[in-house]
C-alpha atoms as a PDB file:
ATOM      1  CA  MET A   1     200.123 206.971  40.243  1.00  0.00           C
ATOM      2  CA  ILE A   2     202.254 208.470  37.477  1.00  0.00           C
ATOM      3  CA  GLY A   3     203.027 211.480  39.677  1.00  0.00           C
ATOM      4  CA  LEU A   4     204.231 209.242  42.501  1.00  0.00           C
ATOM      5  CA  PHE A   5     206.354 207.271  40.045  1.00  0.00           C
ATOM      6  CA  LEU A   6     207.875 210.472  38.624  1.00  0.00           C
ATOM      7  CA  ASP A   7     208.738 211.688  42.124  1.00  0.00           C
ATOM      8  CA  THR A   8     210.364 208.315  42.808  1.00  0.00           C
ATOM      9  CA  ILE A   9     212.698 208.316  39.814  1.00  0.00           C
ATOM     10  CA  LEU A  10     213.085 212.118  39.610  1.00  0.00           C
ATOM     11  CA  PRO A  11     212.978 213.423  43.192  1.00  0.00           C
ATOM     12  CA  ALA A  12     213.404 217.095  43.997  1.00  0.00           C
ATOM     13  CA  ASP A  13     216.920 218.295  44.805  1.00  0.00           C
ATOM     14  CA  PRO A  14     216.794 221.602  46.689  1.00  0.00           C
ATOM     15  CA  GLU A  15     220.593 221.835  46.714  1.00  0.00           C
ATOM     16  CA  LEU A  16     220.656 221.955  42.908  1.00  0.00           C
ATOM     17  CA  ASN A  17     217.350 223.848  42.722  1.00  0.00           C
ATOM     18  CA  MET A  18     215.795 220.994  40.735  1.00  0.00           C
ATOM     19  CA  PRO A  19     212.067 220.275  41.152  1.00  0.00           C
ATOM     20  CA  SER A  20     210.642 216.775  41.272  1.00  0.00           C
ATOM     21  CA  GLY A  21     209.310 215.111  38.153  1.00  0.00           C
ATOM     22  CA  ALA A  22     205.652 215.433  39.111  1.00  0.00           C
ATOM     23  CA  SER A  23     205.901 219.064  40.191  1.00  0.00           C
ATOM     24  CA  ILE A  24     206.674 220.378  36.699  1.00  0.00           C
ATOM     25  CA  GLY A  25     203.658 218.800  35.000  1.00  0.00           C
ATOM     26  CA  ILE A  26     205.242 216.330  32.594  1.00  0.00           C
ATOM     27  CA  GLU A  27     202.600 213.620  33.070  1.00  0.00           C
ATOM     28  CA  ALA A  28     200.796 214.622  29.868  1.00  0.00           C
ATOM     29  CA  PHE A  29     204.031 214.496  27.864  1.00  0.00           C
ATOM     30  CA  VAL A  30     204.784 211.000  29.202  1.00  0.00           C
ATOM     31  CA  ARG A  31     201.254 209.833  28.401  1.00  0.00           C
ATOM     32  CA  ASP A  32     201.547 211.206  24.865  1.00  0.00           C
ATOM     33  CA  ALA A  33     204.974 209.650  24.277  1.00  0.00           C
ATOM     34  CA  ALA A  34     204.210 206.205  25.688  1.00  0.00           C
ATOM     35  CA  THR A  35     201.078 204.276  24.877  1.00  0.00           C
ATOM     36  CA  GLN A  36     198.466 204.195  27.610  1.00  0.00           C
ATOM     37  CA  THR A  37     198.563 200.402  27.405  1.00  0.00           C
ATOM     38  CA  SER A  38     202.282 200.261  28.184  1.00  0.00           C
ATOM     39  CA  ILE A  39     201.893 202.733  31.065  1.00  0.00           C
ATOM     40  CA  ASP A  40     199.017 200.724  32.533  1.00  0.00           C
ATOM     41  CA  GLU A  41     200.981 197.484  32.056  1.00  0.00           C
ATOM     42  CA  TYR A  42     204.008 198.962  33.804  1.00  0.00           C
ATOM     43  CA  PHE A  43     202.040 200.256  36.790  1.00  0.00           C
ATOM     44  CA  ILE A  44     200.356 196.860  37.151  1.00  0.00           C
ATOM     45  CA  LEU A  45     203.842 195.320  37.196  1.00  0.00           C
ATOM     46  CA  LEU A  46     204.983 197.800  39.875  1.00  0.00           C
ATOM     47  CA  ASP A  47     201.973 196.958  42.047  1.00  0.00           C
ATOM     48  CA  GLN A  48     202.536 193.206  41.608  1.00  0.00           C
ATOM     49  CA  LEU A  49     206.191 193.509  42.572  1.00  0.00           C
ATOM     50  CA  ALA A  50     205.345 195.714  45.563  1.00  0.00           C
ATOM     51  CA  GLN A  51     202.794 193.163  46.762  1.00  0.00           C
ATOM     52  CA  GLU A  52     205.276 190.297  46.338  1.00  0.00           C
ATOM     53  CA  LYS A  53     208.143 192.046  48.121  1.00  0.00           C
ATOM     54  CA  PHE A  54     206.434 194.278  50.716  1.00  0.00           C
ATOM     55  CA  GLU A  55     202.821 193.007  50.774  1.00  0.00           C
ATOM     56  CA  ARG A  56     201.581 196.552  50.099  1.00  0.00           C
ATOM     57  CA  PRO A  57     200.640 198.476  46.951  1.00  0.00           C
ATOM     58  CA  PHE A  58     203.296 200.612  45.286  1.00  0.00           C
ATOM     59  CA  LYS A  59     201.608 203.869  46.343  1.00  0.00           C
ATOM     60  CA  ASP A  60     201.830 202.935  50.047  1.00  0.00           C
ATOM     61  CA  LEU A  61     205.592 202.295  50.032  1.00  0.00           C
ATOM     62  CA  SER A  62     208.325 204.624  51.246  1.00  0.00           C
ATOM     63  CA  ALA A  63     210.397 206.444  48.626  1.00  0.00           C
ATOM     64  CA  GLU A  64     213.297 204.056  49.233  1.00  0.00           C
ATOM     65  CA  ASN A  65     211.116 200.964  48.813  1.00  0.00           C
ATOM     66  CA  ARG A  66     209.457 202.400  45.716  1.00  0.00           C
ATOM     67  CA  LEU A  67     212.891 202.872  44.180  1.00  0.00           C
ATOM     68  CA  GLN A  68     213.725 199.242  44.987  1.00  0.00           C
ATOM     69  CA  ILE A  69     210.561 198.158  43.176  1.00  0.00           C
ATOM     70  CA  VAL A  70     211.470 200.280  40.132  1.00  0.00           C
ATOM     71  CA  GLU A  71     214.902 198.599  40.046  1.00  0.00           C
ATOM     72  CA  LEU A  72     213.262 195.195  40.416  1.00  0.00           C
ATOM     73  CA  SER A  73     210.895 196.010  37.553  1.00  0.00           C
ATOM     74  CA  LYS A  74     213.913 196.448  35.270  1.00  0.00           C
ATOM     75  CA  ARG A  75     214.932 192.866  35.991  1.00  0.00           C
ATOM     76  CA  LYS A  76     211.403 191.566  35.555  1.00  0.00           C
ATOM     77  CA  ASN A  77     210.572 193.340  32.272  1.00  0.00           C
ATOM     78  CA  ASN A  78     213.568 195.358  31.093  1.00  0.00           C
ATOM     79  CA  ARG A  79     212.037 196.485  27.792  1.00  0.00           C
ATOM     80  CA  LEU A  80     208.870 197.848  29.350  1.00  0.00           C
ATOM     81  CA  ALA A  81     210.600 199.478  32.337  1.00  0.00           C
ATOM     82  CA  ASN A  82     213.259 201.152  30.221  1.00  0.00           C
ATOM     83  CA  THR A  83     210.681 202.417  27.712  1.00  0.00           C
ATOM     84  CA  ILE A  84     208.591 204.121  30.398  1.00  0.00           C
ATOM     85  CA  ILE A  85     211.614 205.467  32.292  1.00  0.00           C
ATOM     86  CA  LEU A  86     213.155 206.810  29.086  1.00  0.00           C
ATOM     87  CA  HIS A  87     209.970 208.725  28.242  1.00  0.00           C
ATOM     88  CA  CYS A  88     209.953 210.184  31.771  1.00  0.00           C
ATOM     89  CA  LEU A  89     213.597 211.245  31.538  1.00  0.00           C
ATOM     90  CA  LYS A  90     213.073 212.823  28.113  1.00  0.00           C
ATOM     91  CA  ALA A  91     210.077 214.742  29.391  1.00  0.00           C
ATOM     92  CA  TYR A  92     211.963 215.947  32.461  1.00  0.00           C
ATOM     93  CA  TYR A  93     215.223 216.940  30.807  1.00  0.00           C
ATOM     94  CA  THR A  94     213.550 218.729  27.905  1.00  0.00           C
ATOM     95  CA  ASN A  95     211.322 220.779  30.209  1.00  0.00           C
ATOM     96  CA  GLU A  96     212.118 224.499  30.048  1.00  0.00           C
ATOM     97  CA  THR A  97     212.288 224.871  33.840  1.00  0.00           C
ATOM     98  CA  ILE A  98     214.810 222.048  34.151  1.00  0.00           C
ATOM     99  CA  LEU A  99     216.933 223.288  31.251  1.00  0.00           C
ATOM    100  CA  LYS A 100     217.216 226.705  32.875  1.00  0.00           C
ATOM    101  CA  ASN A 101     218.385 225.134  36.157  1.00  0.00           C
ATOM    102  CA  LEU A 102     221.013 222.890  34.585  1.00  0.00           C
ATOM    103  CA  PRO A 103     224.591 224.177  34.539  1.00  0.00           C
ATOM    104  CA  ALA A 104     224.690 223.819  30.751  1.00  0.00           C
ATOM    105  CA  GLY A 105     221.869 226.296  30.382  1.00  0.00           C
ATOM    106  CA  ALA A 106     218.988 226.209  27.958  1.00  0.00           C
ATOM    107  CA  VAL A 107     221.001 226.956  24.822  1.00  0.00           C
ATOM    108  CA  PRO A 108     221.880 224.332  22.241  1.00  0.00           C
ATOM    109  CA  PRO A 109     225.420 223.017  22.768  1.00  0.00           C
ATOM    110  CA  PHE A 110     226.529 223.672  19.172  1.00  0.00           C
ATOM    111  CA  PRO A 111     227.086 225.565  16.887  1.00  0.00           C
ATOM    112  CA  THR A 112     226.324 228.791  18.777  1.00  0.00           C
ATOM    113  CA  GLY A 113     225.800 227.513  22.311  1.00  0.00           C
ATOM    114  CA  ASN A 114     228.470 226.470  24.765  1.00  0.00           C
ATOM    115  CA  ILE A 115     232.036 227.590  24.118  1.00  0.00           C
ATOM    116  CA  LEU A 116     234.786 225.001  24.487  1.00  0.00           C
ATOM    117  CA  GLU A 117     238.310 225.708  25.595  1.00  0.00           C
ATOM    118  CA  GLU A 118     241.058 225.371  22.997  1.00  0.00           C
ATOM    119  CA  ASP A 119     242.911 222.057  23.082  1.00  0.00           C
ATOM    120  CA  ASP A 120     246.640 221.909  23.686  1.00  0.00           C
ATOM    121  CA  TRP A 121     247.731 219.738  20.773  1.00  0.00           C
ATOM    122  CA  SER A 122     251.392 220.119  21.754  1.00  0.00           C
ATOM    123  CA  LEU A 123     250.754 217.446  24.379  1.00  0.00           C
ATOM    124  CA  LEU A 124     250.666 214.889  21.557  1.00  0.00           C
ATOM    125  CA  GLU A 125     253.989 215.995  20.061  1.00  0.00           C
ATOM    126  CA  PRO A 126     256.117 213.341  21.890  1.00  0.00           C
ATOM    127  CA  VAL A 127     253.823 210.606  20.598  1.00  0.00           C
ATOM    128  CA  TYR A 128     254.091 211.893  17.038  1.00  0.00           C
ATOM    129  CA  GLU A 129     257.875 212.245  17.254  1.00  0.00           C
ATOM    130  CA  ARG A 130     258.248 208.695  18.576  1.00  0.00           C
ATOM    131  CA  GLY A 131     257.272 207.443  15.145  1.00  0.00           C
ATOM    132  CA  ARG A 132     255.651 204.175  14.200  1.00  0.00           C
ATOM    133  CA  ILE A 133     255.709 201.507  16.925  1.00  0.00           C
ATOM    134  CA  TYR A 134     253.952 198.713  15.093  1.00  0.00           C
ATOM    135  CA  ARG A 135     255.020 196.246  12.440  1.00  0.00           C
ATOM    136  CA  SER A 136     253.427 196.065   9.016  1.00  0.00           C
ATOM    137  CA  VAL A 137     251.770 192.764   8.331  1.00  0.00           C
ATOM    138  CA  SER A 138     251.672 191.623   4.734  1.00  0.00           C
ATOM    139  CA  SER A 139     248.781 189.496   3.546  1.00  0.00           C
END
């Protein structure tokens, strides 16, 4: 069920050349990061919500309906849902395959990674020349 859940919140995007969450094998990372109890509790919640709303188990729903159930789970138990989703996102966006496909690349942003353009500080000159525009308040 974790693979289906990963594909629901992290679907593949062929246009950006991004694989789905389940296809890159991050299930083990998610299981290690989150406790098995919290994962089991969350998937029980997803099944309960799916039964209440669609009268079917979570695994039998369409991708769109599964996403609705995930959103509903955030309202039902925000702490649990956000904990599991956060672990999934961390696992996905720290995966080497994903980092290579992102426009930022797989290098650290600083100090030797991405180069930033120089700022044009002269844009602030009129503000500086205007002087103080507030009054001092004495205590």
